[in-house]
């Protein structure tokens, strides 16, 4: 996070296939990025809200992998009309290093 972000561009957080939705607490201020693998259309979500919805539907929890959450998306991509979804965490373009430290301290304390 030392480089200054390009305005409006999300910064994906590298992750492996075992990343679960509950891992969002490791990355304070992150967003859940839903992207179409076919055309790169994307949209971000609040991970806490998605987790709450999974609990309401009794279809997942903190240990649910991001790939499984992406498989639950049942609507077509608005740009290409396909259903090839992928999910990952991303830093919003407005999040600075100081803000990330502040959020980490707030979650920790």
PDB file of N, CA and C in Angstrom:
ATOM      1  N   UNK A   1       0.811  -1.188   0.000  1.00  0.00           N
ATOM      2  CA  UNK A   1       0.000   0.000   0.000  1.00  0.00           C
ATOM      3  C   UNK A   1       0.857   1.255   0.000  1.00  0.00           C
ATOM      4  N   UNK A   2       2.101   1.162  -0.292  1.00  0.00           N
ATOM      5  CA  UNK A   2       2.955   2.330  -0.246  1.00  0.00           C
ATOM      6  C   UNK A   2       2.774   3.233  -1.464  1.00  0.00           C
ATOM      7  N   UNK A   3       2.350   2.670  -2.584  1.00  0.00           N
ATOM      8  CA  UNK A   3       2.143   3.495  -3.770  1.00  0.00           C
ATOM      9  C   UNK A   3       0.821   4.229  -3.674  1.00  0.00           C
ATOM     10  N   UNK A   4       0.763   5.376  -4.294  1.00  0.00           N
ATOM     11  CA  UNK A   4      -0.500   6.108  -4.310  1.00  0.00           C
ATOM     12  C   UNK A   4      -1.415   5.462  -5.337  1.00  0.00           C
ATOM     13  N   UNK A   5      -2.670   5.242  -4.995  1.00  0.00           N
ATOM     14  CA  UNK A   5      -3.580   4.555  -5.906  1.00  0.00           C
ATOM     15  C   UNK A   5      -4.021   5.457  -7.048  1.00  0.00           C
ATOM     16  N   UNK A   6      -4.336   4.823  -8.163  1.00  0.00           N
ATOM     17  CA  UNK A   6      -4.926   5.530  -9.293  1.00  0.00           C
ATOM     18  C   UNK A   6      -6.370   5.827  -8.917  1.00  0.00           C
ATOM     19  N   UNK A   7      -6.841   7.055  -9.103  1.00  0.00           N
ATOM     20  CA  UNK A   7      -8.216   7.388  -8.707  1.00  0.00           C
ATOM     21  C   UNK A   7      -9.237   6.466  -9.373  1.00  0.00           C
ATOM     22  N   UNK A   8     -10.119   5.903  -8.563  1.00  0.00           N
ATOM     23  CA  UNK A   8     -11.190   5.061  -9.078  1.00  0.00           C
ATOM     24  C   UNK A   8     -10.808   3.623  -9.349  1.00  0.00           C
ATOM     25  N   UNK A   9      -9.575   3.228  -9.091  1.00  0.00           N
ATOM     26  CA  UNK A   9      -9.141   1.870  -9.393  1.00  0.00           C
ATOM     27  C   UNK A   9      -8.997   1.064  -8.106  1.00  0.00           C
ATOM     28  N   UNK A  10      -9.676  -0.078  -8.049  1.00  0.00           N
ATOM     29  CA  UNK A  10      -9.562  -0.969  -6.892  1.00  0.00           C
ATOM     30  C   UNK A  10      -8.219  -1.676  -6.919  1.00  0.00           C
ATOM     31  N   UNK A  11      -7.696  -1.969  -5.748  1.00  0.00           N
ATOM     32  CA  UNK A  11      -6.428  -2.679  -5.642  1.00  0.00           C
ATOM     33  C   UNK A  11      -6.704  -4.071  -5.096  1.00  0.00           C
ATOM     34  N   UNK A  12      -6.706  -5.107  -5.950  1.00  0.00           N
ATOM     35  CA  UNK A  12      -6.998  -6.468  -5.485  1.00  0.00           C
ATOM     36  C   UNK A  12      -5.981  -6.946  -4.454  1.00  0.00           C
ATOM     37  N   UNK A  13      -6.465  -7.720  -3.497  1.00  0.00           N
ATOM     38  CA  UNK A  13      -5.616  -8.301  -2.461  1.00  0.00           C
ATOM     39  C   UNK A  13      -5.314  -9.735  -2.882  1.00  0.00           C
ATOM     40  N   UNK A  14      -4.037 -10.097  -3.055  1.00  0.00           N
ATOM     41  CA  UNK A  14      -3.708 -11.464  -3.471  1.00  0.00           C
ATOM     42  C   UNK A  14      -4.209 -12.481  -2.449  1.00  0.00           C
ATOM     43  N   UNK A  15      -4.787 -13.558  -2.957  1.00  0.00           N
ATOM     44  CA  UNK A  15      -5.320 -14.606  -2.084  1.00  0.00           C
ATOM     45  C   UNK A  15      -5.235 -15.945  -2.801  1.00  0.00           C
ATOM     46  N   UNK A  16      -5.369 -17.012  -2.033  1.00  0.00           N
ATOM     47  CA  UNK A  16      -5.362 -18.345  -2.626  1.00  0.00           C
ATOM     48  C   UNK A  16      -6.774 -18.919  -2.628  1.00  0.00           C
ATOM     49  N   UNK A  17      -6.915 -20.151  -3.061  1.00  0.00           N
ATOM     50  CA  UNK A  17      -8.224 -20.777  -3.155  1.00  0.00           C
ATOM     51  C   UNK A  17      -8.873 -21.079  -1.819  1.00  0.00           C
ATOM     52  N   UNK A  18      -8.102 -21.058  -0.747  1.00  0.00           N
ATOM     53  CA  UNK A  18      -8.641 -21.375   0.575  1.00  0.00           C
ATOM     54  C   UNK A  18      -9.124 -20.137   1.324  1.00  0.00           C
ATOM     55  N   UNK A  19      -9.100 -18.991   0.697  1.00  0.00           N
ATOM     56  CA  UNK A  19      -9.529 -17.759   1.362  1.00  0.00           C
ATOM     57  C   UNK A  19     -11.023 -17.819   1.637  1.00  0.00           C
ATOM     58  N   UNK A  20     -11.383 -17.546   2.881  1.00  0.00           N
ATOM     59  CA  UNK A  20     -12.798 -17.574   3.255  1.00  0.00           C
ATOM     60  C   UNK A  20     -13.310 -16.158   3.455  1.00  0.00           C
ATOM     61  N   UNK A  21     -14.617 -16.029   3.474  1.00  0.00           N
ATOM     62  CA  UNK A  21     -15.207 -14.701   3.618  1.00  0.00           C
ATOM     63  C   UNK A  21     -14.924 -14.107   4.991  1.00  0.00           C
ATOM     64  N   UNK A  22     -14.683 -14.946   5.979  1.00  0.00           N
ATOM     65  CA  UNK A  22     -14.362 -14.459   7.311  1.00  0.00           C
ATOM     66  C   UNK A  22     -12.982 -13.823   7.415  1.00  0.00           C
ATOM     67  N   UNK A  23     -12.155 -13.987   6.381  1.00  0.00           N
ATOM     68  CA  UNK A  23     -10.814 -13.399   6.380  1.00  0.00           C
ATOM     69  C   UNK A  23     -10.827 -11.892   6.162  1.00  0.00           C
ATOM     70  N   UNK A  24     -11.997 -11.313   5.922  1.00  0.00           N
ATOM     71  CA  UNK A  24     -12.050  -9.869   5.672  1.00  0.00           C
ATOM     72  C   UNK A  24     -11.540  -9.076   6.873  1.00  0.00           C
ATOM     73  N   UNK A  25     -11.607  -9.657   8.065  1.00  0.00           N
ATOM     74  CA  UNK A  25     -11.139  -8.952   9.267  1.00  0.00           C
ATOM     75  C   UNK A  25      -9.629  -8.720   9.241  1.00  0.00           C
ATOM     76  N   UNK A  26      -8.906  -9.512   8.457  1.00  0.00           N
ATOM     77  CA  UNK A  26      -7.458  -9.320   8.327  1.00  0.00           C
ATOM     78  C   UNK A  26      -7.113  -8.080   7.507  1.00  0.00           C
ATOM     79  N   UNK A  27      -8.055  -7.631   6.702  1.00  0.00           N
ATOM     80  CA  UNK A  27      -7.821  -6.506   5.795  1.00  0.00           C
ATOM     81  C   UNK A  27      -8.803  -5.381   6.114  1.00  0.00           C
ATOM     82  N   UNK A  28      -8.529  -4.568   7.116  1.00  0.00           N
ATOM     83  CA  UNK A  28      -9.478  -3.524   7.518  1.00  0.00           C
ATOM     84  C   UNK A  28      -9.786  -2.565   6.371  1.00  0.00           C
ATOM     85  N   UNK A  29     -11.065  -2.315   6.173  1.00  0.00           N
ATOM     86  CA  UNK A  29     -11.489  -1.389   5.132  1.00  0.00           C
ATOM     87  C   UNK A  29     -11.636  -2.009   3.761  1.00  0.00           C
ATOM     88  N   UNK A  30     -11.396  -3.321   3.632  1.00  0.00           N
ATOM     89  CA  UNK A  30     -11.477  -3.946   2.312  1.00  0.00           C
ATOM     90  C   UNK A  30     -12.926  -4.093   1.865  1.00  0.00           C
ATOM     91  N   UNK A  31     -13.102  -4.319   0.584  1.00  0.00           N
ATOM     92  CA  UNK A  31     -14.408  -4.570  -0.012  1.00  0.00           C
ATOM     93  C   UNK A  31     -14.352  -5.941  -0.668  1.00  0.00           C
ATOM     94  N   UNK A  32     -15.503  -6.545  -0.869  1.00  0.00           N
ATOM     95  CA  UNK A  32     -15.605  -7.820  -1.554  1.00  0.00           C
ATOM     96  C   UNK A  32     -15.866  -7.514  -3.023  1.00  0.00           C
ATOM     97  N   UNK A  33     -14.959  -7.922  -3.884  1.00  0.00           N
ATOM     98  CA  UNK A  33     -15.044  -7.616  -5.309  1.00  0.00           C
ATOM     99  C   UNK A  33     -15.642  -8.803  -6.052  1.00  0.00           C
ATOM    100  N   UNK A  34     -16.805  -8.602  -6.647  1.00  0.00           N
ATOM    101  CA  UNK A  34     -17.437  -9.602  -7.505  1.00  0.00           C
ATOM    102  C   UNK A  34     -17.141  -9.179  -8.930  1.00  0.00           C
ATOM    103  N   UNK A  35     -16.482 -10.050  -9.696  1.00  0.00           N
ATOM    104  CA  UNK A  35     -16.106  -9.703 -11.062  1.00  0.00           C
ATOM    105  C   UNK A  35     -16.462 -10.837 -12.006  1.00  0.00           C
ATOM    106  N   UNK A  36     -16.824 -10.476 -13.212  1.00  0.00           N
ATOM    107  CA  UNK A  36     -17.107 -11.458 -14.252  1.00  0.00           C
ATOM    108  C   UNK A  36     -15.772 -11.889 -14.855  1.00  0.00           C
ATOM    109  N   UNK A  37     -15.527 -13.180 -14.899  1.00  0.00           N
ATOM    110  CA  UNK A  37     -14.277 -13.688 -15.460  1.00  0.00           C
ATOM    111  C   UNK A  37     -14.276 -13.612 -16.981  1.00  0.00           C
ATOM    112  N   UNK A  38     -15.443 -13.439 -17.595  1.00  0.00           N
ATOM    113  CA  UNK A  38     -15.524 -13.384 -19.046  1.00  0.00           C
ATOM    114  C   UNK A  38     -15.255 -11.983 -19.597  1.00  0.00           C
ATOM    115  N   UNK A  39     -15.766 -10.949 -18.909  1.00  0.00           N
ATOM    116  CA  UNK A  39     -15.646  -9.601 -19.486  1.00  0.00           C
ATOM    117  C   UNK A  39     -15.045  -8.574 -18.538  1.00  0.00           C
ATOM    118  N   UNK A  40     -14.755  -8.930 -17.314  1.00  0.00           N
ATOM    119  CA  UNK A  40     -14.128  -8.059 -16.313  1.00  0.00           C
ATOM    120  C   UNK A  40     -15.065  -7.004 -15.738  1.00  0.00           C
ATOM    121  N   UNK A  41     -16.371  -7.106 -15.939  1.00  0.00           N
ATOM    122  CA  UNK A  41     -17.313  -6.217 -15.255  1.00  0.00           C
ATOM    123  C   UNK A  41     -17.202  -6.521 -13.770  1.00  0.00           C
ATOM    124  N   UNK A  42     -17.302  -5.514 -12.922  1.00  0.00           N
ATOM    125  CA  UNK A  42     -17.159  -5.773 -11.490  1.00  0.00           C
ATOM    126  C   UNK A  42     -18.034  -4.850 -10.659  1.00  0.00           C
ATOM    127  N   UNK A  43     -18.239  -5.291  -9.424  1.00  0.00           N
ATOM    128  CA  UNK A  43     -19.006  -4.534  -8.445  1.00  0.00           C
ATOM    129  C   UNK A  43     -18.476  -4.908  -7.066  1.00  0.00           C
ATOM    130  N   UNK A  44     -18.490  -3.960  -6.140  1.00  0.00           N
ATOM    131  CA  UNK A  44     -17.996  -4.258  -4.797  1.00  0.00           C
ATOM    132  C   UNK A  44     -19.145  -4.331  -3.804  1.00  0.00           C
ATOM    133  N   UNK A  45     -18.914  -5.109  -2.749  1.00  0.00           N
ATOM    134  CA  UNK A  45     -19.894  -5.289  -1.683  1.00  0.00           C
ATOM    135  C   UNK A  45     -19.191  -5.178  -0.341  1.00  0.00           C
ATOM    136  N   UNK A  46     -19.966  -4.891   0.680  1.00  0.00           N
ATOM    137  CA  UNK A  46     -19.470  -4.887   2.047  1.00  0.00           C
ATOM    138  C   UNK A  46     -19.411  -6.345   2.516  1.00  0.00           C
ATOM    139  N   UNK A  47     -18.231  -6.864   2.901  1.00  0.00           N
ATOM    140  CA  UNK A  47     -18.140  -8.275   3.299  1.00  0.00           C
ATOM    141  C   UNK A  47     -18.993  -8.618   4.517  1.00  0.00           C
ATOM    142  N   UNK A  48     -19.150  -7.682   5.446  1.00  0.00           N
ATOM    143  CA  UNK A  48     -19.978  -7.950   6.628  1.00  0.00           C
ATOM    144  C   UNK A  48     -21.437  -8.157   6.227  1.00  0.00           C
ATOM    145  N   UNK A  49     -21.904  -7.389   5.274  1.00  0.00           N
ATOM    146  CA  UNK A  49     -23.295  -7.517   4.816  1.00  0.00           C
ATOM    147  C   UNK A  49     -23.511  -8.852   4.096  1.00  0.00           C
ATOM    148  N   UNK A  50     -22.552  -9.259   3.274  1.00  0.00           N
ATOM    149  CA  UNK A  50     -22.651 -10.547   2.581  1.00  0.00           C
ATOM    150  C   UNK A  50     -22.638 -11.684   3.596  1.00  0.00           C
ATOM    151  N   UNK A  51     -21.780 -11.583   4.590  1.00  0.00           N
ATOM    152  CA  UNK A  51     -21.704 -12.608   5.638  1.00  0.00           C
ATOM    153  C   UNK A  51     -23.010 -12.691   6.418  1.00  0.00           C
ATOM    154  N   UNK A  52     -23.582 -11.543   6.744  1.00  0.00           N
ATOM    155  CA  UNK A  52     -24.871 -11.508   7.443  1.00  0.00           C
ATOM    156  C   UNK A  52     -25.952 -12.191   6.601  1.00  0.00           C
ATOM    157  N   UNK A  53     -25.942 -11.934   5.289  1.00  0.00           N
ATOM    158  CA  UNK A  53     -26.941 -12.539   4.398  1.00  0.00           C
ATOM    159  C   UNK A  53     -26.761 -14.057   4.324  1.00  0.00           C
ATOM    160  N   UNK A  54     -25.528 -14.530   4.300  1.00  0.00           N
ATOM    161  CA  UNK A  54     -25.286 -15.974   4.303  1.00  0.00           C
ATOM    162  C   UNK A  54     -25.825 -16.614   5.576  1.00  0.00           C
ATOM    163  N   UNK A  55     -25.662 -15.935   6.714  1.00  0.00           N
ATOM    164  CA  UNK A  55     -26.207 -16.439   7.981  1.00  0.00           C
ATOM    165  C   UNK A  55     -27.732 -16.470   7.941  1.00  0.00           C
ATOM    166  N   UNK A  56     -28.348 -15.417   7.398  1.00  0.00           N
ATOM    167  CA  UNK A  56     -29.813 -15.371   7.315  1.00  0.00           C
ATOM    168  C   UNK A  56     -30.355 -16.525   6.491  1.00  0.00           C
ATOM    169  N   UNK A  57     -29.684 -16.828   5.387  1.00  0.00           N
ATOM    170  CA  UNK A  57     -30.133 -17.904   4.503  1.00  0.00           C
ATOM    171  C   UNK A  57     -29.706 -19.283   4.997  1.00  0.00           C
ATOM    172  N   UNK A  58     -28.920 -19.308   6.087  1.00  0.00           N
ATOM    173  CA  UNK A  58     -28.379 -20.560   6.630  1.00  0.00           C
ATOM    174  C   UNK A  58     -27.623 -21.348   5.556  1.00  0.00           C
ATOM    175  N   UNK A  59     -26.842 -20.616   4.756  1.00  0.00           N
ATOM    176  CA  UNK A  59     -26.106 -21.259   3.673  1.00  0.00           C
ATOM    177  C   UNK A  59     -24.604 -21.024   3.753  1.00  0.00           C
ATOM    178  N   UNK A  60     -24.133 -20.500   4.871  1.00  0.00           N
ATOM    179  CA  UNK A  60     -22.698 -20.288   5.007  1.00  0.00           C
ATOM    180  C   UNK A  60     -22.381 -19.452   6.220  1.00  0.00           C
ATOM    181  N   UNK A  61     -21.094 -19.270   6.425  1.00  0.00           N
ATOM    182  CA  UNK A  61     -20.632 -18.479   7.558  1.00  0.00           C
ATOM    183  C   UNK A  61     -19.215 -18.016   7.322  1.00  0.00           C
ATOM    184  N   UNK A  62     -18.497 -17.782   8.409  1.00  0.00           N
ATOM    185  CA  UNK A  62     -17.137 -17.255   8.313  1.00  0.00           C
ATOM    186  C   UNK A  62     -16.193 -18.170   7.529  1.00  0.00           C
ATOM    187  N   UNK A  63     -16.414 -19.465   7.580  1.00  0.00           N
ATOM    188  CA  UNK A  63     -15.512 -20.410   6.917  1.00  0.00           C
ATOM    189  C   UNK A  63     -15.852 -20.653   5.448  1.00  0.00           C
ATOM    190  N   UNK A  64     -16.892 -20.025   4.924  1.00  0.00           N
ATOM    191  CA  UNK A  64     -17.287 -20.224   3.531  1.00  0.00           C
ATOM    192  C   UNK A  64     -16.238 -19.613   2.607  1.00  0.00           C
ATOM    193  N   UNK A  65     -15.728 -20.426   1.690  1.00  0.00           N
ATOM    194  CA  UNK A  65     -14.701 -19.944   0.765  1.00  0.00           C
ATOM    195  C   UNK A  65     -15.297 -18.938  -0.218  1.00  0.00           C
ATOM    196  N   UNK A  66     -14.464 -18.018  -0.688  1.00  0.00           N
ATOM    197  CA  UNK A  66     -14.933 -16.999  -1.629  1.00  0.00           C
ATOM    198  C   UNK A  66     -15.435 -17.624  -2.931  1.00  0.00           C
ATOM    199  N   UNK A  67     -14.816 -18.724  -3.354  1.00  0.00           N
ATOM    200  CA  UNK A  67     -15.267 -19.397  -4.576  1.00  0.00           C
ATOM    201  C   UNK A  67     -16.691 -19.924  -4.404  1.00  0.00           C
ATOM    202  N   UNK A  68     -17.024 -20.403  -3.211  1.00  0.00           N
ATOM    203  CA  UNK A  68     -18.383 -20.891  -2.949  1.00  0.00           C
ATOM    204  C   UNK A  68     -19.383 -19.743  -2.904  1.00  0.00           C
ATOM    205  N   UNK A  69     -18.960 -18.604  -2.388  1.00  0.00           N
ATOM    206  CA  UNK A  69     -19.843 -17.432  -2.374  1.00  0.00           C
ATOM    207  C   UNK A  69     -20.108 -16.979  -3.806  1.00  0.00           C
ATOM    208  N   UNK A  70     -19.081 -16.991  -4.650  1.00  0.00           N
ATOM    209  CA  UNK A  70     -19.251 -16.587  -6.052  1.00  0.00           C
ATOM    210  C   UNK A  70     -20.192 -17.540  -6.783  1.00  0.00           C
ATOM    211  N   UNK A  71     -20.144 -18.834  -6.438  1.00  0.00           N
ATOM    212  CA  UNK A  71     -21.046 -19.801  -7.071  1.00  0.00           C
ATOM    213  C   UNK A  71     -22.508 -19.561  -6.710  1.00  0.00           C
ATOM    214  N   UNK A  72     -22.753 -18.894  -5.592  1.00  0.00           N
ATOM    215  CA  UNK A  72     -24.125 -18.625  -5.163  1.00  0.00           C
ATOM    216  C   UNK A  72     -24.772 -17.467  -5.920  1.00  0.00           C
ATOM    217  N   UNK A  73     -23.988 -16.687  -6.646  1.00  0.00           N
ATOM    218  CA  UNK A  73     -24.543 -15.566  -7.415  1.00  0.00           C
ATOM    219  C   UNK A  73     -25.349 -16.153  -8.568  1.00  0.00           C
ATOM    220  N   UNK A  74     -26.643 -15.846  -8.592  1.00  0.00           N
ATOM    221  CA  UNK A  74     -27.548 -16.480  -9.549  1.00  0.00           C
ATOM    222  C   UNK A  74     -28.068 -15.545 -10.629  1.00  0.00           C
ATOM    223  N   UNK A  75     -27.362 -14.466 -10.880  1.00  0.00           N
ATOM    224  CA  UNK A  75     -27.807 -13.577 -11.944  1.00  0.00           C
ATOM    225  C   UNK A  75     -26.702 -13.434 -12.975  1.00  0.00           C
ATOM    226  N   UNK A  76     -27.110 -13.141 -14.189  1.00  0.00           N
ATOM    227  CA  UNK A  76     -26.159 -13.001 -15.288  1.00  0.00           C
ATOM    228  C   UNK A  76     -25.421 -11.673 -15.202  1.00  0.00           C
ATOM    229  N   UNK A  77     -24.256 -11.643 -15.782  1.00  0.00           N
ATOM    230  CA  UNK A  77     -23.467 -10.415 -15.848  1.00  0.00           C
ATOM    231  C   UNK A  77     -24.231  -9.386 -16.688  1.00  0.00           C
ATOM    232  N   UNK A  78     -24.359  -8.153 -16.209  1.00  0.00           N
ATOM    233  CA  UNK A  78     -25.080  -7.141 -16.981  1.00  0.00           C
ATOM    234  C   UNK A  78     -24.379  -6.752 -18.280  1.00  0.00           C
ATOM    235  N   UNK A  79     -23.075  -6.999 -18.382  1.00  0.00           N
ATOM    236  CA  UNK A  79     -22.341  -6.601 -19.582  1.00  0.00           C
ATOM    237  C   UNK A  79     -22.337  -7.682 -20.663  1.00  0.00           C
ATOM    238  N   UNK A  80     -22.119  -8.950 -20.266  1.00  0.00           N
ATOM    239  CA  UNK A  80     -21.972 -10.001 -21.282  1.00  0.00           C
ATOM    240  C   UNK A  80     -23.003 -11.122 -21.163  1.00  0.00           C
ATOM    241  N   UNK A  81     -23.860 -11.085 -20.157  1.00  0.00           N
ATOM    242  CA  UNK A  81     -24.936 -12.070 -19.938  1.00  0.00           C
ATOM    243  C   UNK A  81     -24.436 -13.477 -19.632  1.00  0.00           C
ATOM    244  N   UNK A  82     -23.227 -13.609 -19.153  1.00  0.00           N
ATOM    245  CA  UNK A  82     -22.718 -14.921 -18.734  1.00  0.00           C
ATOM    246  C   UNK A  82     -22.728 -15.004 -17.217  1.00  0.00           C
ATOM    247  N   UNK A  83     -22.446 -16.201 -16.695  1.00  0.00           N
ATOM    248  CA  UNK A  83     -22.399 -16.400 -15.239  1.00  0.00           C
ATOM    249  C   UNK A  83     -21.050 -16.986 -14.838  1.00  0.00           C
ATOM    250  N   UNK A  84     -19.981 -16.286 -15.138  1.00  0.00           N
ATOM    251  CA  UNK A  84     -18.634 -16.743 -14.775  1.00  0.00           C
ATOM    252  C   UNK A  84     -18.081 -15.807 -13.714  1.00  0.00           C
ATOM    253  N   UNK A  85     -18.551 -15.977 -12.479  1.00  0.00           N
ATOM    254  CA  UNK A  85     -18.198 -15.056 -11.402  1.00  0.00           C
ATOM    255  C   UNK A  85     -16.961 -15.498 -10.650  1.00  0.00           C
ATOM    256  N   UNK A  86     -16.192 -14.513 -10.214  1.00  0.00           N
ATOM    257  CA  UNK A  86     -15.069 -14.749  -9.302  1.00  0.00           C
ATOM    258  C   UNK A  86     -15.140 -13.683  -8.219  1.00  0.00           C
ATOM    259  N   UNK A  87     -14.625 -14.020  -7.043  1.00  0.00           N
ATOM    260  CA  UNK A  87     -14.661 -13.083  -5.916  1.00  0.00           C
ATOM    261  C   UNK A  87     -13.297 -12.996  -5.275  1.00  0.00           C
ATOM    262  N   UNK A  88     -12.978 -11.798  -4.816  1.00  0.00           N
ATOM    263  CA  UNK A  88     -11.760 -11.580  -4.054  1.00  0.00           C
ATOM    264  C   UNK A  88     -11.911 -10.300  -3.249  1.00  0.00           C
ATOM    265  N   UNK A  89     -11.012 -10.123  -2.310  1.00  0.00           N
ATOM    266  CA  UNK A  89     -11.008  -8.892  -1.535  1.00  0.00           C
ATOM    267  C   UNK A  89     -10.208  -7.845  -2.288  1.00  0.00           C
ATOM    268  N   UNK A  90     -10.584  -6.576  -2.107  1.00  0.00           N
ATOM    269  CA  UNK A  90      -9.861  -5.481  -2.761  1.00  0.00           C
ATOM    270  C   UNK A  90      -9.892  -4.250  -1.874  1.00  0.00           C
ATOM    271  N   UNK A  91      -8.825  -3.472  -1.977  1.00  0.00           N
ATOM    272  CA  UNK A  91      -8.775  -2.202  -1.262  1.00  0.00           C
ATOM    273  C   UNK A  91      -9.496  -1.160  -2.101  1.00  0.00           C
ATOM    274  N   UNK A  92     -10.360  -0.351  -1.496  1.00  0.00           N
ATOM    275  CA  UNK A  92     -10.995   0.729  -2.251  1.00  0.00           C
ATOM    276  C   UNK A  92      -9.966   1.797  -2.619  1.00  0.00           C
ATOM    277  N   UNK A  93     -10.199   2.532  -3.683  1.00  0.00           N
ATOM    278  CA  UNK A  93      -9.207   3.530  -4.121  1.00  0.00           C
ATOM    279  C   UNK A  93      -9.013   4.670  -3.131  1.00  0.00           C
ATOM    280  N   UNK A  94      -9.974   4.907  -2.273  1.00  0.00           N
ATOM    281  CA  UNK A  94      -9.886   6.029  -1.336  1.00  0.00           C
ATOM    282  C   UNK A  94      -9.188   5.672  -0.030  1.00  0.00           C
ATOM    283  N   UNK A  95      -8.881   4.397   0.181  1.00  0.00           N
ATOM    284  CA  UNK A  95      -8.262   3.966   1.437  1.00  0.00           C
ATOM    285  C   UNK A  95      -6.769   4.286   1.430  1.00  0.00           C
ATOM    286  N   UNK A  96      -6.341   5.092   2.370  1.00  0.00           N
ATOM    287  CA  UNK A  96      -4.925   5.427   2.502  1.00  0.00           C
ATOM    288  C   UNK A  96      -4.281   4.519   3.537  1.00  0.00           C
ATOM    289  N   UNK A  97      -2.965   4.553   3.590  1.00  0.00           N
ATOM    290  CA  UNK A  97      -2.251   3.718   4.555  1.00  0.00           C
ATOM    291  C   UNK A  97      -2.593   4.127   5.987  1.00  0.00           C
ATOM    292  N   UNK A  98      -2.725   5.421   6.221  1.00  0.00           N
ATOM    293  CA  UNK A  98      -3.075   5.908   7.558  1.00  0.00           C
ATOM    294  C   UNK A  98      -4.478   5.452   7.962  1.00  0.00           C
ATOM    295  N   UNK A  99      -5.403   5.473   7.015  1.00  0.00           N
ATOM    296  CA  UNK A  99      -6.769   5.032   7.292  1.00  0.00           C
ATOM    297  C   UNK A  99      -6.797   3.534   7.593  1.00  0.00           C
ATOM    298  N   UNK A 100      -6.003   2.740   6.874  1.00  0.00           N
ATOM    299  CA  UNK A 100      -5.937   1.299   7.128  1.00  0.00           C
ATOM    300  C   UNK A 100      -5.396   1.025   8.534  1.00  0.00           C
ATOM    301  N   UNK A 101      -4.383   1.771   8.950  1.00  0.00           N
ATOM    302  CA  UNK A 101      -3.850   1.607  10.310  1.00  0.00           C
ATOM    303  C   UNK A 101      -4.892   1.992  11.350  1.00  0.00           C
ATOM    304  N   UNK A 102      -5.632   3.066  11.087  1.00  0.00           N
ATOM    305  CA  UNK A 102      -6.667   3.510  12.021  1.00  0.00           C
ATOM    306  C   UNK A 102      -7.753   2.449  12.169  1.00  0.00           C
ATOM    307  N   UNK A 103      -8.195   1.872  11.052  1.00  0.00           N
ATOM    308  CA  UNK A 103      -9.229   0.836  11.098  1.00  0.00           C
ATOM    309  C   UNK A 103      -8.718  -0.427  11.789  1.00  0.00           C
ATOM    310  N   UNK A 104      -7.460  -0.786  11.541  1.00  0.00           N
ATOM    311  CA  UNK A 104      -6.884  -1.965  12.198  1.00  0.00           C
ATOM    312  C   UNK A 104      -6.847  -1.772  13.707  1.00  0.00           C
ATOM    313  N   UNK A 105      -6.488  -0.587  14.152  1.00  0.00           N
ATOM    314  CA  UNK A 105      -6.461  -0.306  15.591  1.00  0.00           C
ATOM    315  C   UNK A 105      -7.865  -0.345  16.177  1.00  0.00           C
ATOM    316  N   UNK A 106      -8.840   0.137  15.426  1.00  0.00           N
ATOM    317  CA  UNK A 106     -10.224   0.123  15.908  1.00  0.00           C
ATOM    318  C   UNK A 106     -10.739  -1.305  16.047  1.00  0.00           C
ATOM    319  N   UNK A 107     -10.446  -2.171  15.069  1.00  0.00           N
ATOM    320  CA  UNK A 107     -10.894  -3.560  15.142  1.00  0.00           C
ATOM    321  C   UNK A 107     -10.171  -4.305  16.258  1.00  0.00           C
ATOM    322  N   UNK A 108      -8.897  -3.994  16.440  1.00  0.00           N
ATOM    323  CA  UNK A 108      -8.083  -4.682  17.438  1.00  0.00           C
ATOM    324  C   UNK A 108      -8.509  -4.307  18.852  1.00  0.00           C
ATOM    325  N   UNK A 109      -8.845  -3.048  19.059  1.00  0.00           N
ATOM    326  CA  UNK A 109      -9.190  -2.576  20.405  1.00  0.00           C
ATOM    327  C   UNK A 109     -10.648  -2.585  20.544  1.00  0.00           C
TER     328      UNK A 109
END
